[in-house]
């Protein structure tokens, strides 16, 4: 069984384009809406693509900006200029 890669973001206007991009780029993502946060779980790997977020925000965006709306995450983090990826390594 694969472990879930997970990210929880604040539920606010700044996070909405990031959440929308995650849902578009990870078709198997499971979304849990809570009063102040949104938890996104994905089997094995969850990606946040810079280009997808920029398209929704209408401006340049760095994956490091996710820290401004990040509540928690589960998985091993790999980050570069184009992606923020959570996964579990064996």
N, C-alpha and C. Protein backbone atom coordinates (compact mmCIF):
# COMPACT_ATOMS: atom_id res chain seq x y z
N UNK A 1 0.84 -1.18 0.00
CA UNK A 1 0.00 0.00 0.00
C UNK A 1 0.89 1.25 0.00
N UNK A 2 0.53 2.22 -0.80
CA UNK A 2 1.27 3.46 -0.91
C UNK A 2 0.86 4.41 0.22
N UNK A 3 1.84 5.14 0.75
CA UNK A 3 1.53 6.14 1.76
C UNK A 3 1.01 7.40 1.08
N UNK A 4 0.17 8.13 1.79
CA UNK A 4 -0.38 9.36 1.26
C UNK A 4 0.61 10.51 1.43
N UNK A 5 0.86 11.20 0.34
CA UNK A 5 1.55 12.49 0.41
C UNK A 5 0.46 13.51 0.66
N UNK A 6 0.70 14.44 1.56
CA UNK A 6 -0.37 15.32 2.00
C UNK A 6 0.14 16.74 2.22
N UNK A 7 -0.72 17.69 1.91
CA UNK A 7 -0.43 19.08 2.22
C UNK A 7 -1.72 19.74 2.71
N UNK A 8 -1.59 20.55 3.73
CA UNK A 8 -2.73 21.30 4.26
C UNK A 8 -2.39 22.78 4.14
N UNK A 9 -3.28 23.51 3.48
CA UNK A 9 -3.09 24.94 3.25
C UNK A 9 -4.21 25.72 3.92
N UNK A 10 -3.90 26.97 4.27
CA UNK A 10 -4.94 27.86 4.81
C UNK A 10 -6.06 27.98 3.79
N UNK A 11 -7.24 28.18 4.28
CA UNK A 11 -8.39 28.37 3.38
C UNK A 11 -8.62 29.87 3.27
N UNK A 12 -7.94 30.49 2.27
CA UNK A 12 -8.08 31.93 2.07
C UNK A 12 -7.84 32.25 0.59
N UNK A 13 -7.99 33.51 0.24
CA UNK A 13 -7.86 33.91 -1.16
C UNK A 13 -6.45 33.71 -1.71
N UNK A 14 -5.43 33.84 -0.86
CA UNK A 14 -4.05 33.64 -1.32
C UNK A 14 -3.78 32.18 -1.67
N UNK A 15 -4.42 31.26 -0.98
CA UNK A 15 -4.18 29.84 -1.21
C UNK A 15 -5.05 29.26 -2.33
N UNK A 16 -6.16 29.90 -2.67
CA UNK A 16 -7.11 29.34 -3.64
C UNK A 16 -6.45 28.97 -4.97
N UNK A 17 -5.62 29.82 -5.60
CA UNK A 17 -5.00 29.42 -6.87
C UNK A 17 -4.05 28.22 -6.72
N UNK A 18 -3.41 28.11 -5.58
CA UNK A 18 -2.51 26.98 -5.33
C UNK A 18 -3.33 25.70 -5.19
N UNK A 19 -4.42 25.77 -4.44
CA UNK A 19 -5.30 24.62 -4.27
C UNK A 19 -5.88 24.19 -5.61
N UNK A 20 -6.34 25.15 -6.41
CA UNK A 20 -6.89 24.84 -7.74
C UNK A 20 -5.84 24.19 -8.63
N UNK A 21 -4.60 24.67 -8.58
CA UNK A 21 -3.52 24.09 -9.39
C UNK A 21 -3.21 22.66 -8.94
N UNK A 22 -3.18 22.43 -7.64
CA UNK A 22 -2.92 21.08 -7.13
C UNK A 22 -4.01 20.13 -7.61
N UNK A 23 -5.26 20.56 -7.53
CA UNK A 23 -6.37 19.71 -7.96
C UNK A 23 -6.30 19.41 -9.46
N UNK A 24 -5.87 20.38 -10.26
CA UNK A 24 -5.77 20.19 -11.71
C UNK A 24 -4.60 19.27 -12.07
N UNK A 25 -3.48 19.41 -11.37
CA UNK A 25 -2.27 18.66 -11.73
C UNK A 25 -2.17 17.29 -11.08
N UNK A 26 -3.01 17.02 -10.10
CA UNK A 26 -3.02 15.73 -9.41
C UNK A 26 -4.44 15.18 -9.45
N UNK A 27 -4.83 14.52 -10.55
CA UNK A 27 -6.22 14.12 -10.74
C UNK A 27 -6.77 13.17 -9.67
N UNK A 28 -5.91 12.45 -8.97
CA UNK A 28 -6.37 11.51 -7.95
C UNK A 28 -6.38 12.10 -6.55
N UNK A 29 -6.20 13.40 -6.44
CA UNK A 29 -6.13 14.05 -5.13
C UNK A 29 -7.47 13.96 -4.41
N UNK A 30 -7.39 13.74 -3.11
CA UNK A 30 -8.58 13.72 -2.25
C UNK A 30 -8.56 15.02 -1.45
N UNK A 31 -9.64 15.77 -1.51
CA UNK A 31 -9.72 17.09 -0.88
C UNK A 31 -10.64 17.05 0.33
N UNK A 32 -10.14 17.55 1.46
CA UNK A 32 -10.94 17.68 2.66
C UNK A 32 -11.01 19.16 3.02
N UNK A 33 -12.21 19.74 2.88
CA UNK A 33 -12.42 21.15 3.21
C UNK A 33 -12.79 21.27 4.68
N UNK A 34 -12.03 22.08 5.40
CA UNK A 34 -12.28 22.34 6.81
C UNK A 34 -12.56 23.84 6.96
N UNK A 35 -13.05 24.28 8.11
CA UNK A 35 -13.38 25.71 8.26
C UNK A 35 -12.22 26.66 7.95
N UNK A 36 -11.02 26.38 8.38
CA UNK A 36 -9.91 27.31 8.16
C UNK A 36 -8.80 26.78 7.30
N UNK A 37 -8.97 25.55 6.77
CA UNK A 37 -7.90 24.92 6.00
C UNK A 37 -8.46 23.96 4.96
N UNK A 38 -7.61 23.59 4.01
CA UNK A 38 -7.94 22.59 3.00
C UNK A 38 -6.81 21.57 3.00
N UNK A 39 -7.16 20.30 3.22
CA UNK A 39 -6.17 19.21 3.24
C UNK A 39 -6.28 18.46 1.92
N UNK A 40 -5.13 18.27 1.27
CA UNK A 40 -5.08 17.58 -0.01
C UNK A 40 -4.18 16.37 0.14
N UNK A 41 -4.72 15.18 -0.12
CA UNK A 41 -3.99 13.92 -0.02
C UNK A 41 -3.91 13.26 -1.38
N UNK A 42 -2.75 12.64 -1.65
CA UNK A 42 -2.58 11.95 -2.92
C UNK A 42 -1.74 10.70 -2.68
N UNK A 43 -2.12 9.60 -3.30
CA UNK A 43 -1.35 8.36 -3.19
C UNK A 43 0.04 8.53 -3.76
N UNK A 44 1.04 8.38 -2.93
CA UNK A 44 2.43 8.34 -3.40
C UNK A 44 3.12 9.66 -3.64
N UNK A 45 2.53 10.53 -4.44
CA UNK A 45 3.21 11.78 -4.82
C UNK A 45 2.19 12.88 -5.06
N UNK A 46 2.53 14.08 -4.58
CA UNK A 46 1.69 15.25 -4.78
C UNK A 46 2.59 16.38 -5.29
N UNK A 47 2.22 16.97 -6.42
CA UNK A 47 3.04 18.02 -7.03
C UNK A 47 2.30 19.36 -7.05
N UNK A 48 3.08 20.41 -6.83
CA UNK A 48 2.61 21.78 -7.02
C UNK A 48 3.50 22.36 -8.11
N UNK A 49 2.94 22.63 -9.27
CA UNK A 49 3.71 23.13 -10.42
C UNK A 49 3.62 24.65 -10.51
N UNK A 50 4.77 25.29 -10.58
CA UNK A 50 4.86 26.74 -10.65
C UNK A 50 4.00 27.28 -11.79
N UNK A 51 4.13 26.72 -12.97
CA UNK A 51 3.40 27.22 -14.14
C UNK A 51 1.89 27.17 -13.95
N UNK A 52 1.40 26.11 -13.31
CA UNK A 52 -0.05 25.98 -13.06
C UNK A 52 -0.55 27.03 -12.09
N UNK A 53 0.24 27.29 -11.05
CA UNK A 53 -0.15 28.32 -10.08
C UNK A 53 -0.10 29.70 -10.73
N UNK A 54 0.96 29.97 -11.49
CA UNK A 54 1.08 31.27 -12.17
C UNK A 54 -0.09 31.52 -13.10
N UNK A 55 -0.51 30.49 -13.80
CA UNK A 55 -1.65 30.61 -14.73
C UNK A 55 -2.91 31.06 -13.99
N UNK A 56 -3.11 30.52 -12.81
CA UNK A 56 -4.30 30.85 -12.03
C UNK A 56 -4.18 32.17 -11.28
N UNK A 57 -2.94 32.54 -10.90
CA UNK A 57 -2.72 33.79 -10.18
C UNK A 57 -2.61 34.99 -11.10
N UNK A 58 -2.17 34.75 -12.33
CA UNK A 58 -1.98 35.84 -13.27
C UNK A 58 -0.72 36.65 -13.00
N UNK A 59 0.25 36.04 -12.31
CA UNK A 59 1.51 36.71 -12.02
C UNK A 59 2.59 35.65 -11.80
N UNK A 60 3.85 36.10 -11.74
CA UNK A 60 4.95 35.20 -11.43
C UNK A 60 4.79 34.69 -9.99
N UNK A 61 5.15 33.42 -9.78
CA UNK A 61 5.02 32.80 -8.47
C UNK A 61 6.19 31.85 -8.25
N UNK A 62 6.77 31.90 -7.08
CA UNK A 62 7.85 30.98 -6.71
C UNK A 62 7.29 29.91 -5.79
N UNK A 63 7.66 28.64 -5.99
CA UNK A 63 7.17 27.59 -5.09
C UNK A 63 7.48 27.86 -3.61
N UNK A 64 8.48 28.66 -3.32
CA UNK A 64 8.78 28.99 -1.93
C UNK A 64 7.66 29.82 -1.28
N UNK A 65 6.86 30.50 -2.10
CA UNK A 65 5.75 31.29 -1.58
C UNK A 65 4.67 30.44 -0.92
N UNK A 66 4.70 29.15 -1.19
CA UNK A 66 3.71 28.26 -0.56
C UNK A 66 3.82 28.31 0.96
N UNK A 67 5.01 28.66 1.46
CA UNK A 67 5.23 28.75 2.90
C UNK A 67 4.28 29.76 3.56
N UNK A 68 3.81 30.74 2.80
CA UNK A 68 2.93 31.78 3.35
C UNK A 68 1.54 31.27 3.69
N UNK A 69 1.13 30.15 3.09
CA UNK A 69 -0.20 29.60 3.33
C UNK A 69 -0.15 28.15 3.83
N UNK A 70 1.03 27.63 4.07
CA UNK A 70 1.23 26.24 4.48
C UNK A 70 0.89 26.04 5.95
N UNK A 71 0.06 25.03 6.22
CA UNK A 71 -0.25 24.65 7.59
C UNK A 71 0.58 23.43 7.98
N UNK A 72 0.54 22.39 7.14
CA UNK A 72 1.32 21.19 7.40
C UNK A 72 1.51 20.41 6.12
N UNK A 73 2.44 19.44 6.18
CA UNK A 73 2.67 18.57 5.04
C UNK A 73 3.18 17.23 5.53
N UNK A 74 2.99 16.19 4.72
CA UNK A 74 3.47 14.86 5.04
C UNK A 74 4.11 14.28 3.80
N UNK A 75 5.34 13.84 3.95
CA UNK A 75 6.09 13.28 2.83
C UNK A 75 7.46 13.90 2.77
N UNK A 76 8.30 13.35 1.93
CA UNK A 76 9.63 13.91 1.70
C UNK A 76 9.50 15.04 0.69
N UNK A 77 10.09 16.16 1.00
CA UNK A 77 9.98 17.35 0.16
C UNK A 77 11.12 17.43 -0.84
N UNK A 78 10.77 17.66 -2.09
CA UNK A 78 11.73 17.99 -3.15
C UNK A 78 11.24 19.30 -3.74
N UNK A 79 12.10 20.29 -3.76
CA UNK A 79 11.70 21.63 -4.21
C UNK A 79 12.76 22.18 -5.15
N UNK A 80 12.31 22.77 -6.26
CA UNK A 80 13.20 23.50 -7.15
C UNK A 80 12.45 24.72 -7.66
N UNK A 81 12.97 25.37 -8.67
CA UNK A 81 12.35 26.59 -9.17
C UNK A 81 11.00 26.36 -9.84
N UNK A 82 10.71 25.11 -10.24
CA UNK A 82 9.49 24.83 -10.99
C UNK A 82 8.46 23.98 -10.26
N UNK A 83 8.87 23.27 -9.20
CA UNK A 83 7.95 22.37 -8.53
C UNK A 83 8.20 22.30 -7.03
N UNK A 84 7.15 21.95 -6.34
CA UNK A 84 7.17 21.62 -4.92
C UNK A 84 6.54 20.24 -4.88
N UNK A 85 7.32 19.19 -4.58
CA UNK A 85 6.82 17.81 -4.65
C UNK A 85 6.95 17.12 -3.31
N UNK A 86 5.88 16.47 -2.89
CA UNK A 86 5.88 15.64 -1.69
C UNK A 86 5.70 14.19 -2.11
N UNK A 87 6.53 13.31 -1.56
CA UNK A 87 6.40 11.88 -1.84
C UNK A 87 7.06 11.10 -0.71
N UNK A 88 6.85 9.81 -0.71
CA UNK A 88 7.47 8.94 0.28
C UNK A 88 8.49 8.08 -0.43
N UNK A 89 9.74 8.12 0.03
CA UNK A 89 10.82 7.30 -0.52
C UNK A 89 10.93 6.02 0.31
N UNK A 90 11.23 4.93 -0.36
CA UNK A 90 11.43 3.66 0.37
C UNK A 90 12.88 3.46 0.63
